[in-house]
Amino acid sequence: MAKAIHSMIRVIDEKRSVDFYRRAFGLDIAERLDFETFTLVYLSNAESPFELELTINKGRTEPYALGEGYGHLAFSVADLDAEHRRLTEAGLSPNKIVEFERDGTLLARFFFIADPDGYKIEVLQRHGRYK
């Protein structure tokens, strides 16, 4: 059986991205691998073995075109309102909280936030399938 282990995104500024993911989601560097033309930084926390791999191509200064295929990363939290407040107070500008229902039943409560490179991240209240 296959097991998801990481998702990779390309970023311009390693320090800025590592700082954002640490402040926003408590992700710390699990491993950093430096190569001649690029660096890989694996971020994780104790909540999940899943990692976010940041790829930094050396010498790249132009922002990446995210294209129409990228959707979003998602994190679940125990208290969505508290997380929204914390991220707002940290100056990270989360979007408004949305309640998503189907046939009058709450499916999800969530908001989106963007990282320094413009990648969208969904933050969901732990509920139902979003544990």
C-alpha atoms as a PDB file:
ATOM      1  CA  MET A   1       0.000   0.000   0.000  1.00  0.00           C
ATOM      2  CA  ALA A   2       1.350   3.444  -0.907  1.00  0.00           C
ATOM      3  CA  LYS A   3       1.768   6.066   1.830  1.00  0.00           C
ATOM      4  CA  ALA A   4       1.923   9.824   1.218  1.00  0.00           C
ATOM      5  CA  ILE A   5       5.174  11.187   2.693  1.00  0.00           C
ATOM      6  CA  HIS A   6       5.656  14.737   1.390  1.00  0.00           C
ATOM      7  CA  SER A   7       4.586  17.474  -0.955  1.00  0.00           C
ATOM      8  CA  MET A   8       7.125  19.742  -2.691  1.00  0.00           C
ATOM      9  CA  ILE A   9       6.897  23.414  -3.556  1.00  0.00           C
ATOM     10  CA  ARG A  10       9.515  25.699  -5.111  1.00  0.00           C
ATOM     11  CA  VAL A  11      10.290  28.845  -3.147  1.00  0.00           C
ATOM     12  CA  ILE A  12      12.540  31.846  -3.760  1.00  0.00           C
ATOM     13  CA  ASP A  13      13.717  32.791  -0.253  1.00  0.00           C
ATOM     14  CA  GLU A  14      14.517  29.871   2.073  1.00  0.00           C
ATOM     15  CA  LYS A  15      14.693  31.926   5.269  1.00  0.00           C
ATOM     16  CA  ARG A  16      11.404  33.733   4.588  1.00  0.00           C
ATOM     17  CA  SER A  17       9.588  30.478   3.755  1.00  0.00           C
ATOM     18  CA  VAL A  18      10.981  28.526   6.716  1.00  0.00           C
ATOM     19  CA  ASP A  19       9.995  31.414   9.006  1.00  0.00           C
ATOM     20  CA  PHE A  20       6.442  31.519   7.576  1.00  0.00           C
ATOM     21  CA  TYR A  21       5.810  27.765   7.963  1.00  0.00           C
ATOM     22  CA  ARG A  22       7.298  27.781  11.477  1.00  0.00           C
ATOM     23  CA  ARG A  23       5.169  30.736  12.599  1.00  0.00           C
ATOM     24  CA  ALA A  24       1.997  29.660  10.803  1.00  0.00           C
ATOM     25  CA  PHE A  25       1.992  25.884  11.321  1.00  0.00           C
ATOM     26  CA  GLY A  26       4.748  24.971  13.779  1.00  0.00           C
ATOM     27  CA  LEU A  27       6.814  23.234  11.102  1.00  0.00           C
ATOM     28  CA  ASP A  28      10.527  22.961  11.790  1.00  0.00           C
ATOM     29  CA  ILE A  29      13.401  21.796   9.659  1.00  0.00           C
ATOM     30  CA  ALA A  30      13.616  17.995   9.778  1.00  0.00           C
ATOM     31  CA  GLU A  31      16.477  17.906   7.282  1.00  0.00           C
ATOM     32  CA  ARG A  32      18.297  20.309   4.973  1.00  0.00           C
ATOM     33  CA  LEU A  33      20.206  18.990   1.959  1.00  0.00           C
ATOM     34  CA  ASP A  34      22.422  21.448   0.118  1.00  0.00           C
ATOM     35  CA  PHE A  35      23.514  20.720  -3.459  1.00  0.00           C
ATOM     36  CA  GLU A  36      25.484  22.732  -6.010  1.00  0.00           C
ATOM     37  CA  THR A  37      22.470  24.193  -7.814  1.00  0.00           C
ATOM     38  CA  PHE A  38      19.615  23.755  -5.339  1.00  0.00           C
ATOM     39  CA  THR A  39      18.731  23.129  -1.691  1.00  0.00           C
ATOM     40  CA  LEU A  40      16.023  20.845  -0.303  1.00  0.00           C
ATOM     41  CA  VAL A  41      14.488  21.666   3.075  1.00  0.00           C
ATOM     42  CA  TYR A  42      12.113  19.161   4.689  1.00  0.00           C
ATOM     43  CA  LEU A  43       9.680  20.646   7.222  1.00  0.00           C
ATOM     44  CA  SER A  44       7.560  18.699   9.692  1.00  0.00           C
ATOM     45  CA  ASN A  45       6.049  18.725  13.178  1.00  0.00           C
ATOM     46  CA  ALA A  46       4.996  16.171  15.783  1.00  0.00           C
ATOM     47  CA  GLU A  47       1.348  16.174  14.592  1.00  0.00           C
ATOM     48  CA  SER A  48       2.058  14.135  11.453  1.00  0.00           C
ATOM     49  CA  PRO A  49       4.864  12.257   9.710  1.00  0.00           C
ATOM     50  CA  PHE A  50       3.914  14.040   6.448  1.00  0.00           C
ATOM     51  CA  GLU A  51       6.525  16.588   5.374  1.00  0.00           C
ATOM     52  CA  LEU A  52       6.612  19.714   3.238  1.00  0.00           C
ATOM     53  CA  GLU A  53       9.660  19.802   0.966  1.00  0.00           C
ATOM     54  CA  LEU A  54      10.855  23.267  -0.003  1.00  0.00           C
ATOM     55  CA  THR A  55      13.044  23.379  -3.116  1.00  0.00           C
ATOM     56  CA  ILE A  56      15.231  26.450  -3.466  1.00  0.00           C
ATOM     57  CA  ASN A  57      16.898  26.724  -6.885  1.00  0.00           C
ATOM     58  CA  LYS A  58      20.080  28.762  -6.385  1.00  0.00           C
ATOM     59  CA  GLY A  59      20.274  31.953  -8.389  1.00  0.00           C
ATOM     60  CA  ARG A  60      16.512  32.115  -9.002  1.00  0.00           C
ATOM     61  CA  THR A  61      15.135  35.577  -8.274  1.00  0.00           C
ATOM     62  CA  GLU A  62      11.885  35.599 -10.279  1.00  0.00           C
ATOM     63  CA  PRO A  63       8.748  34.346  -8.544  1.00  0.00           C
ATOM     64  CA  TYR A  64       7.427  31.053  -9.880  1.00  0.00           C
ATOM     65  CA  ALA A  65       4.250  31.045 -11.968  1.00  0.00           C
ATOM     66  CA  LEU A  66       1.931  28.863  -9.910  1.00  0.00           C
ATOM     67  CA  GLY A  67      -0.178  27.987 -12.947  1.00  0.00           C
ATOM     68  CA  GLU A  68      -3.721  26.677 -13.006  1.00  0.00           C
ATOM     69  CA  GLY A  69      -2.949  23.163 -11.819  1.00  0.00           C
ATOM     70  CA  TYR A  70      -1.875  23.900  -8.245  1.00  0.00           C
ATOM     71  CA  GLY A  71      -4.717  23.720  -5.727  1.00  0.00           C
ATOM     72  CA  HIS A  72      -3.594  24.018  -2.123  1.00  0.00           C
ATOM     73  CA  LEU A  73      -1.988  22.390   0.897  1.00  0.00           C
ATOM     74  CA  ALA A  74      -4.251  21.722   3.881  1.00  0.00           C
ATOM     75  CA  PHE A  75      -3.690  21.659   7.637  1.00  0.00           C
ATOM     76  CA  SER A  76      -6.263  20.724  10.287  1.00  0.00           C
ATOM     77  CA  VAL A  77      -6.401  22.434  13.679  1.00  0.00           C
ATOM     78  CA  ALA A  78      -8.266  21.780  16.918  1.00  0.00           C
ATOM     79  CA  ASP A  79      -9.562  25.367  17.302  1.00  0.00           C
ATOM     80  CA  LEU A  80     -10.064  27.197  14.003  1.00  0.00           C
ATOM     81  CA  ASP A  81     -11.139  30.479  15.610  1.00  0.00           C
ATOM     82  CA  ALA A  82      -8.057  30.584  17.853  1.00  0.00           C
ATOM     83  CA  GLU A  83      -5.755  29.784  14.905  1.00  0.00           C
ATOM     84  CA  HIS A  84      -7.371  32.486  12.781  1.00  0.00           C
ATOM     85  CA  ARG A  85      -6.893  34.986  15.621  1.00  0.00           C
ATOM     86  CA  ARG A  86      -3.263  33.902  16.176  1.00  0.00           C
ATOM     87  CA  LEU A  87      -2.370  34.177  12.475  1.00  0.00           C
ATOM     88  CA  THR A  88      -4.089  37.571  12.230  1.00  0.00           C
ATOM     89  CA  GLU A  89      -2.192  38.842  15.292  1.00  0.00           C
ATOM     90  CA  ALA A  90       1.055  37.514  13.757  1.00  0.00           C
ATOM     91  CA  GLY A  91       0.402  39.711  10.705  1.00  0.00           C
ATOM     92  CA  LEU A  92       0.009  36.734   8.342  1.00  0.00           C
ATOM     93  CA  SER A  93      -3.332  37.942   6.897  1.00  0.00           C
ATOM     94  CA  PRO A  94      -5.587  34.859   6.789  1.00  0.00           C
ATOM     95  CA  ASN A  95      -8.790  35.137   4.748  1.00  0.00           C
ATOM     96  CA  LYS A  96     -12.185  35.044   6.484  1.00  0.00           C
ATOM     97  CA  ILE A  97     -13.551  31.845   8.016  1.00  0.00           C
ATOM     98  CA  VAL A  98     -16.018  30.004   5.763  1.00  0.00           C
ATOM     99  CA  GLU A  99     -18.615  27.407   6.737  1.00  0.00           C
ATOM    100  CA  PHE A 100     -19.255  24.833   4.006  1.00  0.00           C
ATOM    101  CA  GLU A 101     -22.536  22.927   4.248  1.00  0.00           C
ATOM    102  CA  ARG A 102     -24.315  20.267   2.225  1.00  0.00           C
ATOM    103  CA  ASP A 103     -28.023  19.611   2.697  1.00  0.00           C
ATOM    104  CA  GLY A 104     -27.988  21.704   5.872  1.00  0.00           C
ATOM    105  CA  THR A 105     -25.137  19.693   7.445  1.00  0.00           C
ATOM    106  CA  LEU A 106     -21.768  21.273   8.234  1.00  0.00           C
ATOM    107  CA  LEU A 107     -19.064  19.616   6.151  1.00  0.00           C
ATOM    108  CA  ALA A 108     -16.194  21.950   6.982  1.00  0.00           C
ATOM    109  CA  ARG A 109     -15.158  25.222   8.602  1.00  0.00           C
ATOM    110  CA  PHE A 110     -12.005  26.672   7.084  1.00  0.00           C
ATOM    111  CA  PHE A 111     -10.021  29.656   5.884  1.00  0.00           C
ATOM    112  CA  PHE A 112      -7.215  30.150   3.404  1.00  0.00           C
ATOM    113  CA  ILE A 113      -3.870  31.846   3.867  1.00  0.00           C
ATOM    114  CA  ALA A 114      -1.071  32.412   1.352  1.00  0.00           C
ATOM    115  CA  ASP A 115       2.616  31.778   1.967  1.00  0.00           C
ATOM    116  CA  PRO A 116       5.319  34.284   0.865  1.00  0.00           C
ATOM    117  CA  ASP A 117       5.444  32.738  -2.625  1.00  0.00           C
ATOM    118  CA  GLY A 118       1.660  32.866  -3.080  1.00  0.00           C
ATOM    119  CA  TYR A 119       0.897  29.185  -2.434  1.00  0.00           C
ATOM    120  CA  LYS A 120      -2.604  28.791  -1.016  1.00  0.00           C
ATOM    121  CA  ILE A 121      -3.007  26.875   2.228  1.00  0.00           C
ATOM    122  CA  GLU A 122      -6.355  25.730   3.613  1.00  0.00           C
ATOM    123  CA  VAL A 123      -6.714  25.599   7.393  1.00  0.00           C
ATOM    124  CA  LEU A 124      -9.618  23.394   8.502  1.00  0.00           C
ATOM    125  CA  GLN A 125     -11.338  22.813  11.825  1.00  0.00           C
ATOM    126  CA  ARG A 126     -10.850  19.145  12.811  1.00  0.00           C
ATOM    127  CA  HIS A 127     -14.278  17.718  12.061  1.00  0.00           C
ATOM    128  CA  GLY A 128     -15.682  14.797  10.091  1.00  0.00           C
ATOM    129  CA  ARG A 129     -13.187  13.631   7.479  1.00  0.00           C
ATOM    130  CA  TYR A 130     -10.780  16.496   8.254  1.00  0.00           C
ATOM    131  CA  LYS A 131      -9.017  15.047  11.289  1.00  0.00           C
END
